Amino acid sequence: MTEVLIPLIVFSSIFGIAYVFLNTRNKERLSLIEKGADASLFATKKNHRSNLTLKFGMLAVGIGIGILIASLLESYTVLDEEVAYPSMIFLFGGMFLVANAMIEKKDRVDQE
């Protein structure tokens, strides 16, 4: 029974937090608009937004390569599975996130 309850509780908690956050943000915005605040206050600056698709894509590729390298290390060396997989996943995931940061920095410099 706990196999069903734990995921149910986790997902309902995430949904509840997201609902409360979005509902509160909406009420705050409506309250500010009623008081006469400028609507441009809510606009996001597109110059400082990062490309989330590129970031998550590079992270996924890094994790995939980390799993592949960890599998090779476990098969062909004396490195244990418990050490190989987490270390390679974090190493390659982090390397691809650093590469993503460099790409975004280069794009920001090119736009200016």
N, C-alpha and C. Protein backbone atom coordinates (compact mmCIF):
# COMPACT_ATOMS: atom_id res chain seq x y z
N MET A 1 0.82 -1.20 0.00
CA MET A 1 0.00 0.00 0.00
C MET A 1 0.87 1.26 0.00
N THR A 2 2.02 1.20 0.68
CA THR A 2 2.87 2.38 0.73
C THR A 2 3.50 2.68 -0.63
N GLU A 3 3.60 1.64 -1.50
CA GLU A 3 4.15 1.88 -2.84
C GLU A 3 3.26 2.82 -3.64
N VAL A 4 1.98 2.85 -3.32
CA VAL A 4 1.04 3.71 -4.02
C VAL A 4 0.94 5.06 -3.32
N LEU A 5 0.98 5.06 -2.01
CA LEU A 5 0.78 6.30 -1.26
C LEU A 5 1.93 7.29 -1.40
N ILE A 6 3.15 6.80 -1.40
CA ILE A 6 4.29 7.72 -1.45
C ILE A 6 4.31 8.55 -2.74
N PRO A 7 4.22 7.95 -3.94
CA PRO A 7 4.18 8.79 -5.15
C PRO A 7 2.96 9.71 -5.19
N LEU A 8 1.82 9.21 -4.68
CA LEU A 8 0.61 10.03 -4.65
C LEU A 8 0.81 11.26 -3.77
N ILE A 9 1.40 11.08 -2.62
CA ILE A 9 1.66 12.20 -1.71
C ILE A 9 2.67 13.17 -2.32
N VAL A 10 3.72 12.65 -2.95
CA VAL A 10 4.73 13.52 -3.55
C VAL A 10 4.13 14.37 -4.67
N PHE A 11 3.40 13.73 -5.59
CA PHE A 11 2.83 14.48 -6.70
C PHE A 11 1.74 15.45 -6.25
N SER A 12 0.94 15.06 -5.27
CA SER A 12 -0.08 15.98 -4.78
C SER A 12 0.55 17.16 -4.05
N SER A 13 1.65 16.94 -3.36
CA SER A 13 2.35 18.04 -2.69
C SER A 13 2.93 19.01 -3.71
N ILE A 14 3.53 18.48 -4.76
CA ILE A 14 4.08 19.35 -5.82
C ILE A 14 2.96 20.15 -6.47
N PHE A 15 1.85 19.50 -6.78
CA PHE A 15 0.71 20.20 -7.38
C PHE A 15 0.18 21.27 -6.44
N GLY A 16 0.06 20.94 -5.15
CA GLY A 16 -0.46 21.91 -4.18
C GLY A 16 0.44 23.14 -4.06
N ILE A 17 1.74 22.93 -4.03
CA ILE A 17 2.68 24.06 -3.93
C ILE A 17 2.59 24.92 -5.19
N ALA A 18 2.55 24.29 -6.35
CA ALA A 18 2.44 25.05 -7.61
C ALA A 18 1.14 25.82 -7.66
N TYR A 19 0.04 25.21 -7.22
CA TYR A 19 -1.26 25.88 -7.24
C TYR A 19 -1.27 27.09 -6.33
N VAL A 20 -0.78 26.92 -5.12
CA VAL A 20 -0.74 28.05 -4.17
C VAL A 20 0.14 29.17 -4.71
N PHE A 21 1.30 28.83 -5.27
CA PHE A 21 2.20 29.84 -5.82
C PHE A 21 1.52 30.63 -6.94
N LEU A 22 0.95 29.93 -7.90
CA LEU A 22 0.33 30.61 -9.04
C LEU A 22 -0.91 31.39 -8.62
N ASN A 23 -1.68 30.86 -7.71
CA ASN A 23 -2.88 31.56 -7.26
C ASN A 23 -2.51 32.83 -6.50
N THR A 24 -1.51 32.76 -5.65
CA THR A 24 -1.06 33.93 -4.89
C THR A 24 -0.49 34.99 -5.81
N ARG A 25 0.30 34.56 -6.80
CA ARG A 25 0.88 35.51 -7.76
C ARG A 25 -0.22 36.22 -8.54
N ASN A 26 -1.25 35.48 -8.94
CA ASN A 26 -2.34 36.07 -9.68
C ASN A 26 -3.09 37.10 -8.83
N LYS A 27 -3.35 36.77 -7.55
CA LYS A 27 -4.03 37.71 -6.66
C LYS A 27 -3.21 38.97 -6.44
N GLU A 28 -1.90 38.82 -6.29
CA GLU A 28 -1.04 39.99 -6.11
C GLU A 28 -1.08 40.90 -7.33
N ARG A 29 -1.03 40.31 -8.50
CA ARG A 29 -1.06 41.10 -9.73
C ARG A 29 -2.38 41.80 -9.90
N LEU A 30 -3.48 41.11 -9.64
CA LEU A 30 -4.79 41.75 -9.75
C LEU A 30 -4.92 42.89 -8.76
N SER A 31 -4.41 42.71 -7.55
CA SER A 31 -4.45 43.76 -6.54
C SER A 31 -3.65 44.98 -6.98
N LEU A 32 -2.48 44.76 -7.56
CA LEU A 32 -1.67 45.89 -8.03
C LEU A 32 -2.34 46.61 -9.20
N ILE A 33 -2.97 45.86 -10.08
CA ILE A 33 -3.65 46.47 -11.22
C ILE A 33 -4.84 47.29 -10.74
N GLU A 34 -5.57 46.78 -9.74
CA GLU A 34 -6.70 47.53 -9.19
C GLU A 34 -6.25 48.83 -8.54
N LYS A 35 -5.05 48.85 -7.98
CA LYS A 35 -4.54 50.06 -7.35
C LYS A 35 -3.93 51.02 -8.36
N GLY A 36 -3.85 50.61 -9.64
CA GLY A 36 -3.36 51.50 -10.68
C GLY A 36 -1.90 51.32 -11.04
N ALA A 37 -1.31 50.22 -10.69
CA ALA A 37 0.08 49.97 -11.04
C ALA A 37 0.20 49.73 -12.54
N ASP A 38 1.35 50.03 -13.09
CA ASP A 38 1.59 49.84 -14.52
C ASP A 38 1.74 48.36 -14.84
N ALA A 39 1.13 47.91 -15.94
CA ALA A 39 1.18 46.50 -16.31
C ALA A 39 2.57 46.08 -16.78
N SER A 40 3.41 47.02 -17.19
CA SER A 40 4.76 46.68 -17.63
C SER A 40 5.61 46.16 -16.47
N LEU A 41 5.12 46.32 -15.26
CA LEU A 41 5.80 45.81 -14.08
C LEU A 41 5.94 44.29 -14.12
N PHE A 42 5.01 43.62 -14.81
CA PHE A 42 4.99 42.17 -14.86
C PHE A 42 5.73 41.59 -16.05
N ALA A 43 6.17 42.42 -16.96
CA ALA A 43 6.86 41.93 -18.16
C ALA A 43 8.24 41.39 -17.77
N THR A 44 8.61 40.28 -18.38
CA THR A 44 9.93 39.71 -18.12
C THR A 44 10.92 40.27 -19.13
N LYS A 45 12.14 40.41 -18.70
CA LYS A 45 13.18 40.90 -19.59
C LYS A 45 13.72 39.73 -20.39
N LYS A 46 13.58 39.79 -21.69
CA LYS A 46 14.01 38.68 -22.53
C LYS A 46 15.53 38.66 -22.72
N ASN A 47 16.20 39.74 -22.46
CA ASN A 47 17.65 39.78 -22.64
C ASN A 47 18.37 38.91 -21.61
N HIS A 48 17.77 38.76 -20.43
CA HIS A 48 18.45 38.04 -19.35
C HIS A 48 17.91 36.62 -19.15
N ARG A 49 16.98 36.21 -20.00
CA ARG A 49 16.46 34.85 -19.88
C ARG A 49 17.40 33.87 -20.56
N SER A 50 17.62 32.78 -19.91
CA SER A 50 18.45 31.75 -20.53
C SER A 50 17.57 30.83 -21.35
N ASN A 51 18.17 30.15 -22.29
CA ASN A 51 17.46 29.22 -23.13
C ASN A 51 17.33 27.89 -22.38
N LEU A 52 16.16 27.66 -21.77
CA LEU A 52 15.98 26.48 -20.94
C LEU A 52 16.02 25.20 -21.76
N THR A 53 15.55 25.23 -22.99
CA THR A 53 15.58 24.04 -23.82
C THR A 53 17.01 23.60 -24.07
N LEU A 54 17.88 24.54 -24.39
CA LEU A 54 19.29 24.21 -24.60
C LEU A 54 19.91 23.69 -23.32
N LYS A 55 19.60 24.33 -22.20
CA LYS A 55 20.18 23.92 -20.91
C LYS A 55 19.76 22.51 -20.54
N PHE A 56 18.46 22.20 -20.62
CA PHE A 56 18.01 20.86 -20.27
C PHE A 56 18.48 19.82 -21.28
N GLY A 57 18.55 20.20 -22.54
CA GLY A 57 19.06 19.28 -23.55
C GLY A 57 20.51 18.93 -23.32
N MET A 58 21.32 19.93 -23.02
CA MET A 58 22.74 19.66 -22.76
C MET A 58 22.92 18.86 -21.48
N LEU A 59 22.09 19.14 -20.47
CA LEU A 59 22.17 18.36 -19.23
C LEU A 59 21.79 16.90 -19.49
N ALA A 60 20.75 16.67 -20.29
CA ALA A 60 20.34 15.30 -20.60
C ALA A 60 21.42 14.56 -21.38
N VAL A 61 22.04 15.24 -22.33
CA VAL A 61 23.12 14.61 -23.09
C VAL A 61 24.30 14.30 -22.16
N GLY A 62 24.62 15.22 -21.27
CA GLY A 62 25.70 14.98 -20.31
C GLY A 62 25.42 13.81 -19.40
N ILE A 63 24.19 13.69 -18.93
CA ILE A 63 23.82 12.56 -18.07
C ILE A 63 23.89 11.26 -18.86
N GLY A 64 23.42 11.28 -20.10
CA GLY A 64 23.47 10.08 -20.94
C GLY A 64 24.90 9.63 -21.20
N ILE A 65 25.77 10.57 -21.51
CA ILE A 65 27.17 10.22 -21.74
C ILE A 65 27.80 9.74 -20.43
N GLY A 66 27.42 10.35 -19.31
CA GLY A 66 27.94 9.91 -18.01
C GLY A 66 27.54 8.48 -17.70
N ILE A 67 26.29 8.10 -18.01
CA ILE A 67 25.84 6.73 -17.78
C ILE A 67 26.61 5.76 -18.69
N LEU A 68 26.81 6.17 -19.94
CA LEU A 68 27.55 5.32 -20.88
C LEU A 68 28.99 5.10 -20.42
N ILE A 69 29.67 6.16 -20.04
CA ILE A 69 31.06 6.06 -19.58
C ILE A 69 31.13 5.25 -18.29
N ALA A 70 30.16 5.45 -17.39
CA ALA A 70 30.14 4.69 -16.14
C ALA A 70 29.97 3.21 -16.41
N SER A 71 29.12 2.87 -17.37
CA SER A 71 28.94 1.47 -17.73
C SER A 71 30.24 0.86 -18.27
N LEU A 72 30.93 1.63 -19.11
CA LEU A 72 32.21 1.15 -19.64
C LEU A 72 33.25 1.01 -18.53
N LEU A 73 33.30 1.98 -17.61
CA LEU A 73 34.25 1.90 -16.51
C LEU A 73 33.96 0.70 -15.61
N GLU A 74 32.69 0.45 -15.36
CA GLU A 74 32.34 -0.68 -14.51
C GLU A 74 32.69 -2.00 -15.18
N SER A 75 32.50 -2.09 -16.49
CA SER A 75 32.76 -3.35 -17.20
C SER A 75 34.24 -3.64 -17.38
N TYR A 76 35.02 -2.61 -17.68
CA TYR A 76 36.40 -2.84 -18.09
C TYR A 76 37.46 -2.44 -17.06
N THR A 77 37.04 -1.92 -15.91
CA THR A 77 37.99 -1.58 -14.86
C THR A 77 37.53 -2.21 -13.55
N VAL A 78 38.28 -1.97 -12.51
CA VAL A 78 37.91 -2.51 -11.20
C VAL A 78 37.03 -1.53 -10.41
N LEU A 79 36.59 -0.44 -11.05
CA LEU A 79 35.75 0.55 -10.39
C LEU A 79 34.37 -0.03 -10.10
N ASP A 80 33.89 0.13 -8.88
CA ASP A 80 32.59 -0.41 -8.48
C ASP A 80 31.45 0.38 -9.12
N GLU A 81 30.32 -0.28 -9.24
CA GLU A 81 29.12 0.35 -9.82
C GLU A 81 28.65 1.53 -8.96
N GLU A 82 28.75 1.39 -7.63
CA GLU A 82 28.28 2.43 -6.72
C GLU A 82 29.10 3.71 -6.84
N VAL A 83 30.31 3.61 -7.32
CA VAL A 83 31.17 4.77 -7.48
C VAL A 83 31.10 5.30 -8.91
N ALA A 84 31.08 4.41 -9.88
CA ALA A 84 31.17 4.79 -11.29
C ALA A 84 29.96 5.61 -11.73
N TYR A 85 28.76 5.14 -11.46
CA TYR A 85 27.58 5.80 -12.00
C TYR A 85 27.35 7.21 -11.44
N PRO A 86 27.30 7.40 -10.11
CA PRO A 86 27.08 8.78 -9.63
C PRO A 86 28.19 9.74 -10.04
N SER A 87 29.43 9.27 -9.97
CA SER A 87 30.54 10.19 -10.28
C SER A 87 30.52 10.62 -11.74
N MET A 88 30.28 9.69 -12.64
CA MET A 88 30.27 10.04 -14.07
C MET A 88 29.04 10.86 -14.44
N ILE A 89 27.89 10.56 -13.83
CA ILE A 89 26.69 11.35 -14.12
C ILE A 89 26.90 12.79 -13.68
N PHE A 90 27.40 13.00 -12.47
CA PHE A 90 27.63 14.36 -11.99
C PHE A 90 28.75 15.05 -12.77
N LEU A 91 29.80 14.33 -13.09
CA LEU A 91 30.92 14.91 -13.82
C LEU A 91 30.48 15.39 -15.21
N PHE A 92 29.85 14.51 -15.98
CA PHE A 92 29.47 14.90 -17.33
C PHE A 92 28.28 15.85 -17.35
N GLY A 93 27.32 15.67 -16.43
CA GLY A 93 26.22 16.62 -16.33
C GLY A 93 26.73 18.03 -16.01
N GLY A 94 27.66 18.12 -15.07
CA GLY A 94 28.25 19.41 -14.72
C GLY A 94 29.07 20.01 -15.84
N MET A 95 29.82 19.17 -16.55
CA MET A 95 30.62 19.68 -17.67
C MET A 95 29.73 20.27 -18.76
N PHE A 96 28.61 19.61 -19.05
CA PHE A 96 27.72 20.13 -20.08
C PHE A 96 27.00 21.39 -19.61
N LEU A 97 26.70 21.52 -18.32
CA LEU A 97 26.11 22.76 -17.81
C LEU A 97 27.11 23.91 -17.88
N VAL A 98 28.38 23.64 -17.61
CA VAL A 98 29.42 24.67 -17.75
C VAL A 98 29.54 25.07 -19.21
N ALA A 99 29.51 24.10 -20.12
CA ALA A 99 29.56 24.41 -21.55
C ALA A 99 28.35 25.25 -21.95
N ASN A 100 27.18 24.94 -21.39
CA ASN A 100 25.98 25.74 -21.67
C ASN A 100 26.15 27.17 -21.19
N ALA A 101 26.74 27.35 -20.02
CA ALA A 101 26.95 28.70 -19.50
C ALA A 101 27.89 29.49 -20.41
N MET A 102 28.91 28.82 -20.95
CA MET A 102 29.82 29.51 -21.87
C MET A 102 29.11 29.90 -23.16
N ILE A 103 28.25 29.03 -23.67
CA ILE A 103 27.50 29.33 -24.89
C ILE A 103 26.57 30.51 -24.65
N GLU A 104 25.86 30.51 -23.52
CA GLU A 104 24.95 31.62 -23.22
C GLU A 104 25.72 32.92 -23.02
N LYS A 105 26.90 32.85 -22.41
CA LYS A 105 27.70 34.07 -22.21
C LYS A 105 28.14 34.62 -23.56
N LYS A 106 28.55 33.73 -24.46
CA LYS A 106 28.96 34.15 -25.79
C LYS A 106 27.79 34.77 -26.56
N ASP A 107 26.60 34.19 -26.41
CA ASP A 107 25.42 34.75 -27.07
C ASP A 107 25.08 36.13 -26.52
N ARG A 108 25.20 36.31 -25.19
CA ARG A 108 24.92 37.63 -24.61
C ARG A 108 25.89 38.66 -25.09
N VAL A 109 27.16 38.30 -25.22
CA VAL A 109 28.18 39.24 -25.70
C VAL A 109 27.91 39.59 -27.16
N ASP A 110 27.51 38.60 -27.96
CA ASP A 110 27.22 38.84 -29.37
C ASP A 110 26.00 39.71 -29.56
N GLN A 111 25.01 39.65 -28.64
CA GLN A 111 23.80 40.45 -28.76
C GLN A 111 24.05 41.91 -28.40
N GLU A 112 25.04 42.17 -27.59
CA GLU A 112 25.29 43.55 -27.15
C GLU A 112 26.06 44.33 -28.15
